[in-house]
Amino acid sequence: MRRRRQLPYQVEIKRDEQQREVRIFSDAGRILRPLIVVENLNKIKTFKGGNYIFTSLLDKGVIEFIGTEEEEDCCTAWGIRFLLEDIAGRQSMKVLYQAQKHSQQAIGFSITNPNIRVDTLFHQMHYPQRPLFRTMISDCLGKPRYPFGHNAVLPKPELFNGQNAIVAVNVHLGYNQEDSLVMKRASLERGMFRSEHIRSYKTEVDNKELTDKRRKSEDSITFGKIQSKIGRVDSLDDDGFPFIGSNMQSGDIMIGKCAESGTDHSVKLKHTERGMVQKVVLSSNDEGKNFAVVRTFLSQFKVLFLIL
């Protein structure tokens, strides 16, 4: 109706399906944004090369004013890849790093049963917050649309991702400042942007006695004691599994394991890995093979060079 000039171009109409309301805004002083109507792109070719005033483009329906309430309903993203800003103009390594690292660390609740699941790797934010603006993803993870017991449908829990930060863009000193960030130390100490890095280590195990009697005595593995040849095993029990709550550092053996011949096949931490043992699981798969899983977690927080 507005494009056909049946309504003034400054009138804003908002349809709220959840509240079952139709809101009409016509007061003065509102901020309106002129946008080109995508459906009328063919009309732009006819206006090319001519001299037209702005009001004539409004009358022809080429340009339309959109208010702040209507912007929420406009379609601006058509897929997951559009959630990352300016993909076409940024370097590919920065886009991949943001998708693999930054996006994962901002996840508040990726699963609803983290205490019983054993995943290879996942991140979880300590203090996720409710977003300021309602999106389609927040509707799927946030509060239920209906109260408890409506049509025998149980309400969904409040599961949110990310944190709301107060950001100021300004010129600070101005010397050698390009991509730096200045953050408040008190906010970081209170737990802002703190996440939990959880990793699981899995290997197949089988309780069999060693058959090779010719192995050397110095090649034997004694769990529960410090060994420097194959790695540190001071955090392992006699059965080859670490204690719950053990602080594992780089070079430590996570799961002690050896073959029937006495060859060591232990699972060892890499030089960049560390964490605290949270759970040890012993189970078997569909084929009847036994396996062991050790889950570790590490609390991570942002370390900045310049902190107020």
Protein backbone atom coordinates (compact mmCIF):
# COMPACT_ATOMS: atom_id res chain seq x y z
CA MET A 1 0.00 0.00 0.00
CA ARG A 2 2.84 2.37 0.73
CA ARG A 3 4.59 1.59 -2.55
CA ARG A 4 1.35 2.27 -4.40
CA ARG A 5 1.02 5.64 -2.65
CA GLN A 6 -2.10 4.53 -0.82
CA LEU A 7 -0.31 5.41 2.42
CA PRO A 8 2.22 8.16 3.12
CA TYR A 9 5.78 6.98 2.65
CA GLN A 10 6.67 7.91 6.25
CA VAL A 11 4.09 5.59 7.83
CA GLU A 12 5.61 2.50 9.43
CA ILE A 13 3.64 -0.72 9.97
CA LYS A 14 4.91 -3.50 12.21
CA ARG A 15 3.25 -6.93 12.47
CA ASP A 16 4.10 -8.82 15.65
CA GLU A 17 2.94 -12.43 15.41
CA GLN A 18 3.94 -13.36 18.95
CA GLN A 19 2.04 -10.50 20.58
CA ARG A 20 -0.71 -10.68 17.94
CA GLU A 21 -0.50 -6.96 17.32
CA VAL A 22 -0.29 -4.64 14.33
CA ARG A 23 1.57 -1.46 15.23
CA ILE A 24 1.34 1.69 13.13
CA PHE A 25 3.86 4.49 13.65
CA SER A 26 3.26 7.92 12.13
CA ASP A 27 4.77 10.29 14.71
CA ALA A 28 7.39 12.85 13.75
CA GLY A 29 11.08 12.58 14.55
CA ARG A 30 11.47 8.89 13.75
CA ILE A 31 14.60 7.64 12.00
CA LEU A 32 13.84 6.24 8.54
CA ARG A 33 16.27 4.49 6.23
CA PRO A 34 15.91 4.78 2.43
CA LEU A 35 16.47 1.45 0.69
CA ILE A 36 16.18 0.26 -2.90
CA VAL A 37 13.39 -2.26 -3.44
CA VAL A 38 14.88 -5.47 -4.84
CA GLU A 39 11.71 -6.36 -6.73
CA ASN A 40 12.00 -3.16 -8.75
CA LEU A 41 15.61 -3.52 -9.92
CA ASN A 42 14.45 -3.68 -13.54
CA LYS A 43 12.91 -0.23 -13.17
CA ILE A 44 16.28 1.23 -12.28
CA LYS A 45 17.55 0.59 -15.81
CA THR A 46 14.79 2.77 -17.20
CA PHE A 47 15.79 5.63 -14.89
CA LYS A 48 19.48 5.31 -15.77
CA GLY A 49 20.90 8.40 -17.42
CA GLY A 50 17.93 10.59 -16.54
CA ASN A 51 17.57 13.42 -14.07
CA TYR A 52 15.06 12.51 -11.37
CA ILE A 53 14.47 13.97 -7.98
CA PHE A 54 14.28 11.85 -4.85
CA THR A 55 10.54 12.20 -4.41
CA SER A 56 9.90 10.91 -7.93
CA LEU A 57 11.79 7.72 -7.11
CA LEU A 58 9.58 7.32 -4.07
CA ASP A 59 6.46 7.76 -6.19
CA LYS A 60 7.66 5.13 -8.68
CA GLY A 61 8.32 2.60 -5.89
CA VAL A 62 12.05 2.33 -6.58
CA ILE A 63 13.05 3.61 -3.14
CA GLU A 64 11.20 2.89 0.08
CA PHE A 65 11.65 4.20 3.62
CA ILE A 66 12.14 1.49 6.26
CA GLY A 67 11.80 2.22 9.96
CA THR A 68 13.56 0.67 12.92
CA GLU A 69 10.65 -1.65 13.68
CA GLU A 70 10.40 -2.90 10.10
CA GLU A 71 14.12 -3.64 9.80
CA GLU A 72 13.71 -6.68 12.05
CA ASP A 73 11.46 -8.36 9.48
CA CYS A 74 13.58 -7.56 6.41
CA CYS A 75 15.47 -10.53 4.98
CA THR A 76 19.19 -9.72 5.10
CA ALA A 77 20.78 -13.19 5.50
CA TRP A 78 20.03 -16.36 3.54
CA GLY A 79 22.22 -18.98 5.16
CA ILE A 80 24.83 -19.73 7.80
CA ARG A 81 27.68 -18.18 5.84
CA PHE A 82 26.00 -14.77 6.02
CA LEU A 83 26.33 -14.78 9.81
CA LEU A 84 30.01 -13.82 9.33
CA GLU A 85 30.33 -10.23 8.27
CA ASP A 86 32.02 -9.13 5.04
CA ILE A 87 33.21 -12.55 3.88
CA ALA A 88 33.89 -11.37 0.33
CA GLY A 89 36.15 -8.51 1.45
CA ARG A 90 38.14 -10.27 4.16
CA GLN A 91 41.09 -12.64 3.99
CA SER A 92 40.19 -16.32 3.85
CA MET A 93 42.36 -17.22 6.85
CA LYS A 94 40.57 -14.67 9.05
CA VAL A 95 37.19 -16.03 8.01
CA LEU A 96 38.22 -19.61 8.77
CA TYR A 97 39.78 -18.59 12.08
CA GLN A 98 36.62 -16.80 13.13
CA ALA A 99 34.42 -19.75 12.15
CA GLN A 100 36.63 -22.34 13.88
CA LYS A 101 37.82 -20.49 16.97
CA HIS A 102 35.85 -17.38 17.84
CA SER A 103 32.43 -18.77 17.01
CA GLN A 104 33.01 -21.97 18.98
CA GLN A 105 34.20 -20.11 22.06
CA ALA A 106 31.04 -17.98 22.07
CA ILE A 107 28.74 -21.00 22.34
CA GLY A 108 26.97 -21.10 25.68
CA PHE A 109 25.09 -24.39 25.41
CA SER A 110 25.84 -26.55 22.40
CA ILE A 111 24.34 -29.62 24.11
CA THR A 112 21.85 -30.09 26.93
CA ASN A 113 23.61 -33.05 28.60
CA PRO A 114 27.29 -32.05 28.86
CA ASN A 115 27.85 -34.07 32.05
CA ILE A 116 27.17 -37.45 30.45
CA ARG A 117 28.32 -36.87 26.87
CA VAL A 118 31.90 -37.54 25.81
CA ASP A 119 32.74 -35.52 22.69
CA THR A 120 36.14 -35.22 21.08
CA LEU A 121 36.28 -31.44 21.33
CA PHE A 122 33.85 -28.68 22.19
CA HIS A 123 33.77 -25.26 23.85
CA GLN A 124 31.34 -23.90 26.38
CA MET A 125 31.06 -20.32 27.65
CA HIS A 126 30.82 -19.89 31.40
CA TYR A 127 28.40 -16.96 31.60
CA PRO A 128 26.22 -16.70 28.46
CA GLN A 129 23.74 -13.83 28.37
CA ARG A 130 20.41 -13.13 26.76
CA PRO A 131 20.83 -11.18 23.49
CA LEU A 132 19.57 -7.61 23.28
CA PHE A 133 17.82 -8.26 19.97
CA ARG A 134 15.59 -11.20 19.23
CA THR A 135 16.70 -13.35 16.32
CA MET A 136 15.51 -16.62 14.82
CA ILE A 137 18.29 -18.51 16.57
CA SER A 138 17.42 -16.99 19.95
CA ASP A 139 13.79 -18.03 19.45
CA CYS A 140 14.90 -21.62 18.91
CA LEU A 141 17.20 -21.63 21.96
CA GLY A 142 15.46 -19.11 24.21
CA LYS A 143 12.21 -18.89 26.12
CA PRO A 144 9.17 -20.87 24.93
CA ARG A 145 6.49 -19.05 23.02
CA TYR A 146 3.73 -20.51 25.18
CA PRO A 147 3.55 -21.04 28.95
CA PHE A 148 3.98 -24.36 30.68
CA GLY A 149 1.36 -26.94 29.84
CA HIS A 150 0.06 -25.29 26.65
CA ASN A 151 -1.24 -28.08 24.39
CA ALA A 152 0.78 -30.59 26.42
CA VAL A 153 4.03 -29.08 25.11
CA LEU A 154 6.83 -28.68 27.63
CA PRO A 155 8.62 -25.32 27.60
CA LYS A 156 12.16 -25.11 26.30
CA PRO A 157 14.94 -24.05 28.67
CA GLU A 158 16.69 -20.72 28.29
CA LEU A 159 19.85 -21.47 26.32
CA PHE A 160 21.75 -18.44 25.04
CA ASN A 161 25.09 -17.85 23.37
CA GLY A 162 27.56 -14.99 23.57
CA GLN A 163 27.81 -12.03 25.91
CA ASN A 164 26.66 -8.42 25.67
CA ALA A 165 29.63 -6.05 25.81
CA ILE A 166 29.69 -2.26 25.86
CA VAL A 167 31.96 -1.24 22.98
CA ALA A 168 33.39 2.22 22.30
CA VAL A 169 35.21 3.03 19.05
CA ASN A 170 37.66 5.90 19.49
CA VAL A 171 41.22 7.02 18.78
CA HIS A 172 43.53 5.97 21.60
CA LEU A 173 46.94 7.69 21.49
CA GLY A 174 47.07 7.09 17.73
CA TYR A 175 50.57 5.59 17.48
CA ASN A 176 50.97 2.11 15.99
CA GLN A 177 47.31 1.30 16.70
CA GLU A 178 45.67 -0.88 14.05
CA ASP A 179 43.75 -3.93 15.33
CA SER A 180 44.35 -3.56 19.06
CA LEU A 181 41.74 -3.81 21.80
CA VAL A 182 41.65 -2.09 25.16
CA MET A 183 39.55 -3.94 27.73
CA LYS A 184 38.75 -3.40 31.37
CA ARG A 185 40.68 -5.60 33.74
CA ALA A 186 37.82 -5.82 36.25
CA SER A 187 35.48 -7.24 33.59
CA LEU A 188 37.93 -9.98 32.68
CA GLU A 189 38.53 -10.85 36.33
CA ARG A 190 34.77 -11.19 36.86
CA GLY A 191 34.61 -13.83 34.12
CA MET A 192 33.89 -11.91 30.93
CA PHE A 193 34.61 -13.92 27.75
CA ARG A 194 35.76 -16.89 29.83
CA SER A 195 35.13 -20.27 28.24
CA GLU A 196 35.80 -23.93 28.93
CA HIS A 197 37.83 -26.03 26.51
CA ILE A 198 36.85 -29.72 26.80
CA ARG A 199 38.74 -32.48 24.99
CA SER A 200 38.41 -36.27 25.16
CA TYR A 201 41.03 -38.92 24.45
CA LYS A 202 39.90 -42.38 23.33
CA THR A 203 41.73 -45.63 22.74
CA GLU A 204 40.93 -49.34 22.56
CA VAL A 205 41.94 -51.46 25.53
CA ASP A 206 42.05 -55.20 26.15
CA ASN A 207 43.04 -56.96 29.34
CA LYS A 208 45.63 -59.53 28.24
CA GLU A 209 48.80 -60.70 29.86
CA LEU A 210 52.14 -59.98 28.22
CA THR A 211 53.41 -62.99 26.29
CA ASP A 212 56.87 -61.83 25.26
CA LYS A 213 59.23 -62.94 28.04
CA ARG A 214 62.30 -61.59 26.27
CA ARG A 215 61.57 -57.94 26.81
CA LYS A 216 64.13 -55.95 28.74
CA SER A 217 63.42 -54.96 32.29
CA GLU A 218 64.12 -51.29 31.56
CA ASP A 219 61.35 -51.29 28.92
CA SER A 220 58.65 -52.20 31.43
CA ILE A 221 56.12 -49.58 32.41
CA THR A 222 55.34 -49.01 36.07
CA PHE A 223 52.28 -46.83 36.42
CA GLY A 224 52.02 -44.63 39.49
CA LYS A 225 55.72 -43.69 39.39
CA ILE A 226 57.63 -40.99 37.54
CA GLN A 227 59.21 -42.24 34.31
CA SER A 228 61.26 -39.91 32.08
CA LYS A 229 61.95 -42.22 29.14
CA ILE A 230 58.50 -42.56 27.62
CA GLY A 231 56.75 -39.74 29.46
CA ARG A 232 55.52 -38.72 32.85
CA VAL A 233 53.16 -41.26 34.39
CA ASP A 234 53.01 -39.87 37.93
CA SER A 235 49.30 -39.01 37.46
CA LEU A 236 48.32 -42.56 36.47
CA ASP A 237 47.02 -45.29 38.72
CA ASP A 238 48.17 -48.93 38.60
CA ASP A 239 45.55 -49.69 35.94
CA GLY A 240 47.00 -47.06 33.58
CA PHE A 241 44.24 -44.45 33.92
CA PRO A 242 44.66 -40.98 35.46
CA PHE A 243 43.11 -39.90 38.73
CA ILE A 244 40.04 -37.66 38.66
CA GLY A 245 41.20 -34.09 39.18
CA SER A 246 44.76 -34.68 38.02
CA ASN A 247 46.40 -31.65 36.42
CA MET A 248 47.83 -32.94 33.14
CA GLN A 249 50.59 -30.96 31.42
CA SER A 250 52.34 -31.31 28.09
CA GLY A 251 54.37 -34.51 27.97
CA ASP A 252 52.18 -36.43 30.43
CA ILE A 253 50.74 -39.79 29.47
CA MET A 254 46.96 -39.66 29.45
CA ILE A 255 46.22 -43.39 29.07
CA GLY A 256 48.86 -46.02 29.82
CA LYS A 257 48.75 -48.81 27.26
CA CYS A 258 51.16 -51.46 26.06
CA ALA A 259 50.99 -54.30 23.55
CA GLU A 260 51.31 -58.02 24.29
CA SER A 261 54.97 -57.84 23.33
CA GLY A 262 55.58 -55.08 25.85
CA THR A 263 55.77 -52.24 23.31
CA ASP A 264 54.44 -48.98 24.68
CA HIS A 265 51.32 -47.61 22.95
CA SER A 266 50.32 -45.03 25.53
CA VAL A 267 48.28 -41.95 24.63
CA LYS A 268 50.50 -38.95 25.29
CA LEU A 269 49.61 -35.29 25.46
CA LYS A 270 51.05 -33.01 22.82
CA HIS A 271 53.31 -30.13 23.73
CA THR A 272 50.43 -27.65 23.28
CA GLU A 273 47.81 -29.57 25.30
CA ARG A 274 47.01 -29.44 29.00
CA GLY A 275 44.00 -29.69 31.26
CA MET A 276 42.42 -31.30 34.31
CA VAL A 277 40.93 -34.80 34.23
CA GLN A 278 37.17 -34.60 34.60
CA LYS A 279 35.93 -38.10 33.78
CA VAL A 280 37.21 -41.59 32.94
CA VAL A 281 34.84 -43.90 31.06
CA LEU A 282 35.29 -47.61 30.34
CA SER A 283 32.84 -49.17 27.90
CA SER A 284 32.50 -51.35 24.80
CA ASN A 285 31.18 -50.74 21.28
CA ASP A 286 28.76 -52.76 19.16
CA GLU A 287 31.54 -55.10 18.04
CA GLY A 288 32.38 -56.02 21.62
CA LYS A 289 35.71 -54.18 21.71
CA ASN A 290 36.56 -52.41 24.94
CA PHE A 291 37.65 -48.78 24.87
CA ALA A 292 38.60 -46.12 27.39
CA VAL A 293 37.81 -42.41 27.23
CA VAL A 294 39.41 -39.71 29.37
CA ARG A 295 37.86 -36.25 29.32
CA THR A 296 39.79 -33.15 30.33
CA PHE A 297 38.72 -29.54 30.67
CA LEU A 298 40.63 -26.28 30.69
CA SER A 299 39.27 -22.90 31.70
CA GLN A 300 40.41 -20.25 29.22
CA PHE A 301 40.34 -16.48 29.56
CA LYS A 302 41.47 -13.69 27.30
CA VAL A 303 45.01 -12.40 27.75
CA LEU A 304 45.55 -8.90 26.37
CA PHE A 305 48.65 -6.79 26.10
CA LEU A 306 46.96 -3.53 27.04
CA ILE A 307 44.42 -3.69 29.87
CA LEU A 308 42.96 -0.78 31.80
